Structures are given as C-alpha cells and as structure tokens.
Amino acid sequence: MIERQVAIVDPAAAGHPASFLVSVEVERERPDLVRKLRDWFRGEPAVQQAYYVTGSADYVLLVVTRDIQAFDALMSEMMASNPNVRRFTTNVVMSAVKRGLMVPIDES
C-alpha cells in the first residue's frame, strides 16, 4: 500500500518559494505525443505533482521554482519541448493553506 516515504519540505527553506498551479491543454491526445509530455512532467524536478483531469484542461500541475523568471523559463521550455501543448494557464499560489499527501484510511 505504501508507494514511498517522503519528507514534506518547506519550499521557501529549500530555495523554491514560488508555487504555481498550472492547467495545461493539449492539441491532440495521440499516444506518442501524450507519452512525451507525461515523460517531460515526470522528468522535471520543478513539477511536484501532475494530474490528468477532466474539464477545460487536460492536465493540472503543481510547480515550484525560485521565482517568476525561473517559472517563465520552465514554461517556455515546456512549450518548446512539447509542441502539442495548445496553451497553459497559471494560478500563482499566494499562500499554502494545507500541504500534504496523506490519504485517510478507513479503519472499519
């Protein structure tokens, strides 16, 4: 049941105080193009979480960087590396109200 053990580190203390929620839309969902994009998400350390979702976006990412300039460079790299990305929209995290990966376990 346990996939891995991790420590929850304060991003600011680790030099990455800027957090962003990014919605990503793709042009086509061809398996080879989707695989390439997912591999990019998995391989990029700044992408902390990535979810394939329903709704107006295809993916939602949690991204941490040292500042807005680093985020801008990262998103430029994502677009250049993945021409299948139609667009992305960004929400800047003003403050983290709750962070964690704990899953409640029903003890009954």
N, C-alpha and C. Protein backbone atom coordinates (compact mmCIF):
# COMPACT_ATOMS: atom_id res chain seq x y z
N MET A 1 0.82 -1.19 0.00
CA MET A 1 0.00 0.00 0.00
C MET A 1 0.87 1.26 0.00
N ILE A 2 1.98 1.25 0.70
CA ILE A 2 2.86 2.43 0.76
C ILE A 2 3.73 2.44 -0.50
N GLU A 3 3.62 3.52 -1.30
CA GLU A 3 4.42 3.64 -2.52
C GLU A 3 5.84 4.08 -2.21
N ARG A 4 5.99 5.06 -1.33
CA ARG A 4 7.31 5.55 -0.92
C ARG A 4 7.13 6.45 0.29
N GLN A 5 8.22 6.68 0.99
CA GLN A 5 8.19 7.59 2.13
C GLN A 5 8.89 8.88 1.72
N VAL A 6 8.28 9.99 2.09
CA VAL A 6 8.85 11.29 1.73
C VAL A 6 8.79 12.22 2.93
N ALA A 7 9.59 13.25 2.88
CA ALA A 7 9.53 14.32 3.87
C ALA A 7 8.86 15.52 3.22
N ILE A 8 8.03 16.20 3.95
CA ILE A 8 7.41 17.42 3.44
C ILE A 8 8.34 18.58 3.81
N VAL A 9 8.96 19.14 2.78
CA VAL A 9 9.97 20.18 2.96
C VAL A 9 9.35 21.54 2.66
N ASP A 10 9.71 22.52 3.45
CA ASP A 10 9.25 23.89 3.20
C ASP A 10 9.92 24.38 1.93
N PRO A 11 9.15 24.65 0.85
CA PRO A 11 9.77 25.08 -0.41
C PRO A 11 10.62 26.34 -0.26
N ALA A 12 10.17 27.28 0.56
CA ALA A 12 10.94 28.52 0.73
C ALA A 12 12.30 28.23 1.36
N ALA A 13 12.34 27.34 2.34
CA ALA A 13 13.60 27.00 3.00
C ALA A 13 14.54 26.27 2.04
N ALA A 14 13.97 25.60 1.03
CA ALA A 14 14.77 24.88 0.04
C ALA A 14 15.13 25.75 -1.15
N GLY A 15 14.78 27.04 -1.11
CA GLY A 15 15.14 27.95 -2.18
C GLY A 15 14.17 27.99 -3.34
N HIS A 16 12.97 27.45 -3.15
CA HIS A 16 11.94 27.45 -4.19
C HIS A 16 10.63 27.96 -3.60
N PRO A 17 10.57 29.25 -3.24
CA PRO A 17 9.40 29.77 -2.54
C PRO A 17 8.18 30.05 -3.43
N ALA A 18 8.35 30.04 -4.74
CA ALA A 18 7.24 30.37 -5.64
C ALA A 18 6.53 29.10 -6.08
N SER A 19 5.22 29.05 -5.86
CA SER A 19 4.41 27.88 -6.25
C SER A 19 3.34 28.31 -7.24
N PHE A 20 3.06 27.43 -8.19
CA PHE A 20 2.11 27.73 -9.26
C PHE A 20 1.24 26.51 -9.52
N LEU A 21 -0.05 26.74 -9.74
CA LEU A 21 -0.95 25.70 -10.22
C LEU A 21 -1.16 25.98 -11.70
N VAL A 22 -0.79 25.02 -12.53
CA VAL A 22 -0.78 25.22 -13.98
C VAL A 22 -1.76 24.26 -14.63
N SER A 23 -2.68 24.81 -15.42
CA SER A 23 -3.59 23.99 -16.22
C SER A 23 -3.03 23.93 -17.63
N VAL A 24 -2.93 22.72 -18.18
CA VAL A 24 -2.32 22.51 -19.49
C VAL A 24 -3.34 21.89 -20.42
N GLU A 25 -3.48 22.49 -21.61
CA GLU A 25 -4.35 21.93 -22.65
C GLU A 25 -3.48 21.43 -23.80
N VAL A 26 -3.82 20.25 -24.33
CA VAL A 26 -3.08 19.70 -25.47
C VAL A 26 -3.93 19.78 -26.73
N GLU A 27 -3.24 19.80 -27.88
CA GLU A 27 -3.93 19.83 -29.18
C GLU A 27 -4.58 18.48 -29.48
N ARG A 28 -3.76 17.42 -29.43
CA ARG A 28 -4.22 16.08 -29.78
C ARG A 28 -3.78 15.11 -28.70
N GLU A 29 -4.58 14.08 -28.50
CA GLU A 29 -4.25 13.09 -27.48
C GLU A 29 -3.68 11.82 -28.10
N ARG A 30 -2.84 12.02 -29.13
CA ARG A 30 -2.15 10.87 -29.73
C ARG A 30 -1.24 10.24 -28.67
N PRO A 31 -1.24 8.92 -28.56
CA PRO A 31 -0.45 8.27 -27.52
C PRO A 31 1.02 8.67 -27.49
N ASP A 32 1.67 8.81 -28.63
CA ASP A 32 3.09 9.17 -28.64
C ASP A 32 3.32 10.59 -28.12
N LEU A 33 2.42 11.52 -28.47
CA LEU A 33 2.56 12.90 -28.00
C LEU A 33 2.26 13.02 -26.51
N VAL A 34 1.24 12.30 -26.06
CA VAL A 34 0.88 12.30 -24.64
C VAL A 34 2.01 11.69 -23.82
N ARG A 35 2.58 10.61 -24.29
CA ARG A 35 3.69 9.95 -23.59
C ARG A 35 4.87 10.90 -23.44
N LYS A 36 5.19 11.62 -24.50
CA LYS A 36 6.31 12.56 -24.46
C LYS A 36 6.05 13.67 -23.42
N LEU A 37 4.84 14.19 -23.38
CA LEU A 37 4.50 15.24 -22.42
C LEU A 37 4.55 14.70 -21.00
N ARG A 38 3.97 13.53 -20.78
CA ARG A 38 4.00 12.94 -19.44
C ARG A 38 5.43 12.64 -18.99
N ASP A 39 6.26 12.19 -19.91
CA ASP A 39 7.67 11.96 -19.57
C ASP A 39 8.35 13.27 -19.18
N TRP A 40 7.99 14.36 -19.86
CA TRP A 40 8.55 15.66 -19.51
C TRP A 40 8.14 16.05 -18.10
N PHE A 41 6.83 15.88 -17.78
CA PHE A 41 6.35 16.17 -16.41
C PHE A 41 7.13 15.35 -15.39
N ARG A 42 7.24 14.05 -15.63
CA ARG A 42 7.91 13.15 -14.68
C ARG A 42 9.39 13.50 -14.50
N GLY A 43 10.03 13.94 -15.56
CA GLY A 43 11.46 14.21 -15.51
C GLY A 43 11.84 15.59 -15.01
N GLU A 44 10.86 16.48 -14.86
CA GLU A 44 11.16 17.85 -14.45
C GLU A 44 11.00 17.99 -12.93
N PRO A 45 12.10 18.22 -12.19
CA PRO A 45 12.02 18.31 -10.73
C PRO A 45 11.10 19.42 -10.21
N ALA A 46 10.95 20.50 -10.96
CA ALA A 46 10.09 21.60 -10.51
C ALA A 46 8.61 21.21 -10.53
N VAL A 47 8.25 20.22 -11.34
CA VAL A 47 6.87 19.73 -11.37
C VAL A 47 6.70 18.76 -10.21
N GLN A 48 6.06 19.22 -9.16
CA GLN A 48 5.91 18.41 -7.96
C GLN A 48 4.78 17.40 -8.07
N GLN A 49 3.71 17.79 -8.74
CA GLN A 49 2.57 16.91 -8.93
C GLN A 49 2.00 17.17 -10.31
N ALA A 50 1.49 16.12 -10.94
CA ALA A 50 0.88 16.25 -12.26
C ALA A 50 -0.31 15.31 -12.32
N TYR A 51 -1.45 15.83 -12.74
CA TYR A 51 -2.68 15.06 -12.79
C TYR A 51 -3.32 15.18 -14.17
N TYR A 52 -3.78 14.07 -14.71
CA TYR A 52 -4.59 14.03 -15.92
C TYR A 52 -6.02 14.22 -15.43
N VAL A 53 -6.72 15.25 -15.94
CA VAL A 53 -8.01 15.64 -15.36
C VAL A 53 -9.09 15.79 -16.43
N THR A 54 -10.32 15.86 -15.97
CA THR A 54 -11.45 16.21 -16.83
C THR A 54 -11.68 17.71 -16.71
N GLY A 55 -12.50 18.25 -17.61
CA GLY A 55 -12.81 19.67 -17.56
C GLY A 55 -12.13 20.43 -18.68
N SER A 56 -11.90 21.71 -18.46
CA SER A 56 -11.36 22.56 -19.53
C SER A 56 -9.88 22.30 -19.80
N ALA A 57 -9.15 21.76 -18.83
CA ALA A 57 -7.73 21.44 -19.01
C ALA A 57 -7.58 19.93 -19.14
N ASP A 58 -6.45 19.53 -19.69
CA ASP A 58 -6.13 18.11 -19.78
C ASP A 58 -5.25 17.66 -18.61
N TYR A 59 -4.39 18.56 -18.14
CA TYR A 59 -3.51 18.27 -17.02
C TYR A 59 -3.50 19.46 -16.06
N VAL A 60 -3.28 19.16 -14.80
CA VAL A 60 -3.06 20.20 -13.79
C VAL A 60 -1.77 19.85 -13.08
N LEU A 61 -0.90 20.85 -12.96
CA LEU A 61 0.42 20.66 -12.37
C LEU A 61 0.58 21.54 -11.14
N LEU A 62 1.34 21.06 -10.17
CA LEU A 62 1.84 21.90 -9.09
C LEU A 62 3.32 22.06 -9.36
N VAL A 63 3.75 23.31 -9.54
CA VAL A 63 5.13 23.61 -9.91
C VAL A 63 5.73 24.54 -8.86
N VAL A 64 6.98 24.27 -8.46
CA VAL A 64 7.70 25.18 -7.55
C VAL A 64 8.97 25.64 -8.22
N THR A 65 9.27 26.92 -8.08
CA THR A 65 10.51 27.49 -8.62
C THR A 65 11.04 28.54 -7.65
N ARG A 66 12.24 29.05 -7.95
CA ARG A 66 12.82 30.07 -7.07
C ARG A 66 12.16 31.43 -7.25
N ASP A 67 11.62 31.70 -8.48
CA ASP A 67 10.98 32.99 -8.73
C ASP A 67 10.18 32.93 -10.03
N ILE A 68 9.53 34.02 -10.36
CA ILE A 68 8.69 34.07 -11.55
C ILE A 68 9.51 33.92 -12.83
N GLN A 69 10.73 34.44 -12.82
CA GLN A 69 11.58 34.32 -14.01
C GLN A 69 11.93 32.85 -14.28
N ALA A 70 12.22 32.09 -13.24
CA ALA A 70 12.51 30.67 -13.41
C ALA A 70 11.27 29.92 -13.89
N PHE A 71 10.11 30.31 -13.39
CA PHE A 71 8.86 29.70 -13.85
C PHE A 71 8.63 30.00 -15.32
N ASP A 72 8.84 31.24 -15.71
CA ASP A 72 8.66 31.64 -17.11
C ASP A 72 9.59 30.84 -18.02
N ALA A 73 10.84 30.68 -17.62
CA ALA A 73 11.80 29.90 -18.41
C ALA A 73 11.37 28.43 -18.50
N LEU A 74 10.87 27.89 -17.39
CA LEU A 74 10.42 26.49 -17.38
C LEU A 74 9.23 26.29 -18.31
N MET A 75 8.28 27.20 -18.29
CA MET A 75 7.10 27.07 -19.16
C MET A 75 7.49 27.26 -20.63
N SER A 76 8.45 28.13 -20.89
CA SER A 76 8.95 28.28 -22.27
C SER A 76 9.60 26.98 -22.73
N GLU A 77 10.34 26.33 -21.84
CA GLU A 77 10.96 25.05 -22.16
C GLU A 77 9.89 23.99 -22.42
N MET A 78 8.84 23.98 -21.59
CA MET A 78 7.76 23.00 -21.78
C MET A 78 7.12 23.18 -23.15
N MET A 79 6.85 24.42 -23.54
CA MET A 79 6.21 24.69 -24.83
C MET A 79 7.14 24.31 -25.98
N ALA A 80 8.43 24.62 -25.86
CA ALA A 80 9.38 24.30 -26.92
C ALA A 80 9.59 22.79 -27.05
N SER A 81 9.59 22.09 -25.93
CA SER A 81 9.81 20.64 -25.93
C SER A 81 8.57 19.84 -26.31
N ASN A 82 7.42 20.47 -26.20
CA ASN A 82 6.15 19.77 -26.41
C ASN A 82 5.22 20.62 -27.28
N PRO A 83 5.44 20.65 -28.59
CA PRO A 83 4.62 21.49 -29.46
C PRO A 83 3.14 21.08 -29.49
N ASN A 84 2.82 19.94 -28.91
CA ASN A 84 1.43 19.51 -28.81
C ASN A 84 0.67 20.27 -27.72
N VAL A 85 1.36 21.03 -26.87
CA VAL A 85 0.69 21.83 -25.85
C VAL A 85 0.04 23.03 -26.54
N ARG A 86 -1.27 23.13 -26.44
CA ARG A 86 -2.01 24.23 -27.05
C ARG A 86 -1.82 25.51 -26.25
N ARG A 87 -2.01 25.40 -24.94
CA ARG A 87 -1.87 26.57 -24.06
C ARG A 87 -1.80 26.10 -22.62
N PHE A 88 -1.37 26.99 -21.76
CA PHE A 88 -1.42 26.73 -20.33
C PHE A 88 -1.88 28.00 -19.63
N THR A 89 -2.53 27.82 -18.51
CA THR A 89 -2.93 28.95 -17.67
C THR A 89 -2.34 28.71 -16.29
N THR A 90 -2.04 29.80 -15.62
CA THR A 90 -1.33 29.71 -14.36
C THR A 90 -2.06 30.45 -13.25
N ASN A 91 -2.14 29.80 -12.10
CA ASN A 91 -2.57 30.44 -10.87
C ASN A 91 -1.36 30.49 -9.95
N VAL A 92 -1.03 31.68 -9.47
CA VAL A 92 0.09 31.84 -8.54
C VAL A 92 -0.42 31.55 -7.13
N VAL A 93 0.28 30.69 -6.41
CA VAL A 93 -0.11 30.38 -5.04
C VAL A 93 0.35 31.53 -4.15
N MET A 94 -0.61 32.18 -3.51
CA MET A 94 -0.31 33.29 -2.61
C MET A 94 0.15 32.79 -1.25
N SER A 95 -0.49 31.73 -0.75
CA SER A 95 -0.05 31.07 0.48
C SER A 95 -0.63 29.66 0.50
N ALA A 96 0.11 28.76 1.07
CA ALA A 96 -0.35 27.38 1.19
C ALA A 96 -1.19 27.25 2.46
N VAL A 97 -2.44 26.92 2.29
CA VAL A 97 -3.33 26.74 3.43
C VAL A 97 -3.14 25.35 4.02
N LYS A 98 -2.89 24.37 3.14
CA LYS A 98 -2.65 22.99 3.58
C LYS A 98 -1.81 22.30 2.52
N ARG A 99 -0.79 21.56 2.94
CA ARG A 99 0.04 20.77 2.03
C ARG A 99 0.18 19.39 2.62
N GLY A 100 0.18 18.40 1.76
CA GLY A 100 0.40 17.05 2.24
C GLY A 100 -0.02 16.02 1.22
N LEU A 101 0.33 14.78 1.48
CA LEU A 101 -0.03 13.69 0.60
C LEU A 101 -0.69 12.55 1.36
N MET A 102 -1.07 12.80 2.63
CA MET A 102 -1.68 11.76 3.42
C MET A 102 -3.04 11.35 2.84
N VAL A 103 -3.30 10.06 2.83
CA VAL A 103 -4.59 9.55 2.40
C VAL A 103 -5.28 8.96 3.63
N PRO A 104 -6.49 9.45 3.96
CA PRO A 104 -7.20 8.89 5.11
C PRO A 104 -7.48 7.40 4.88
N ILE A 105 -7.26 6.60 5.89
CA ILE A 105 -7.52 5.17 5.80
C ILE A 105 -8.67 4.84 6.72
N ASP A 106 -9.70 4.22 6.15
CA ASP A 106 -10.88 3.81 6.91
C ASP A 106 -10.49 2.62 7.77
N GLU A 107 -10.62 2.77 9.07
CA GLU A 107 -10.19 1.71 9.99
C GLU A 107 -11.30 0.72 10.31
N SER A 108 -12.44 0.83 9.66
CA SER A 108 -13.55 -0.10 9.99
C SER A 108 -13.44 -1.41 9.26
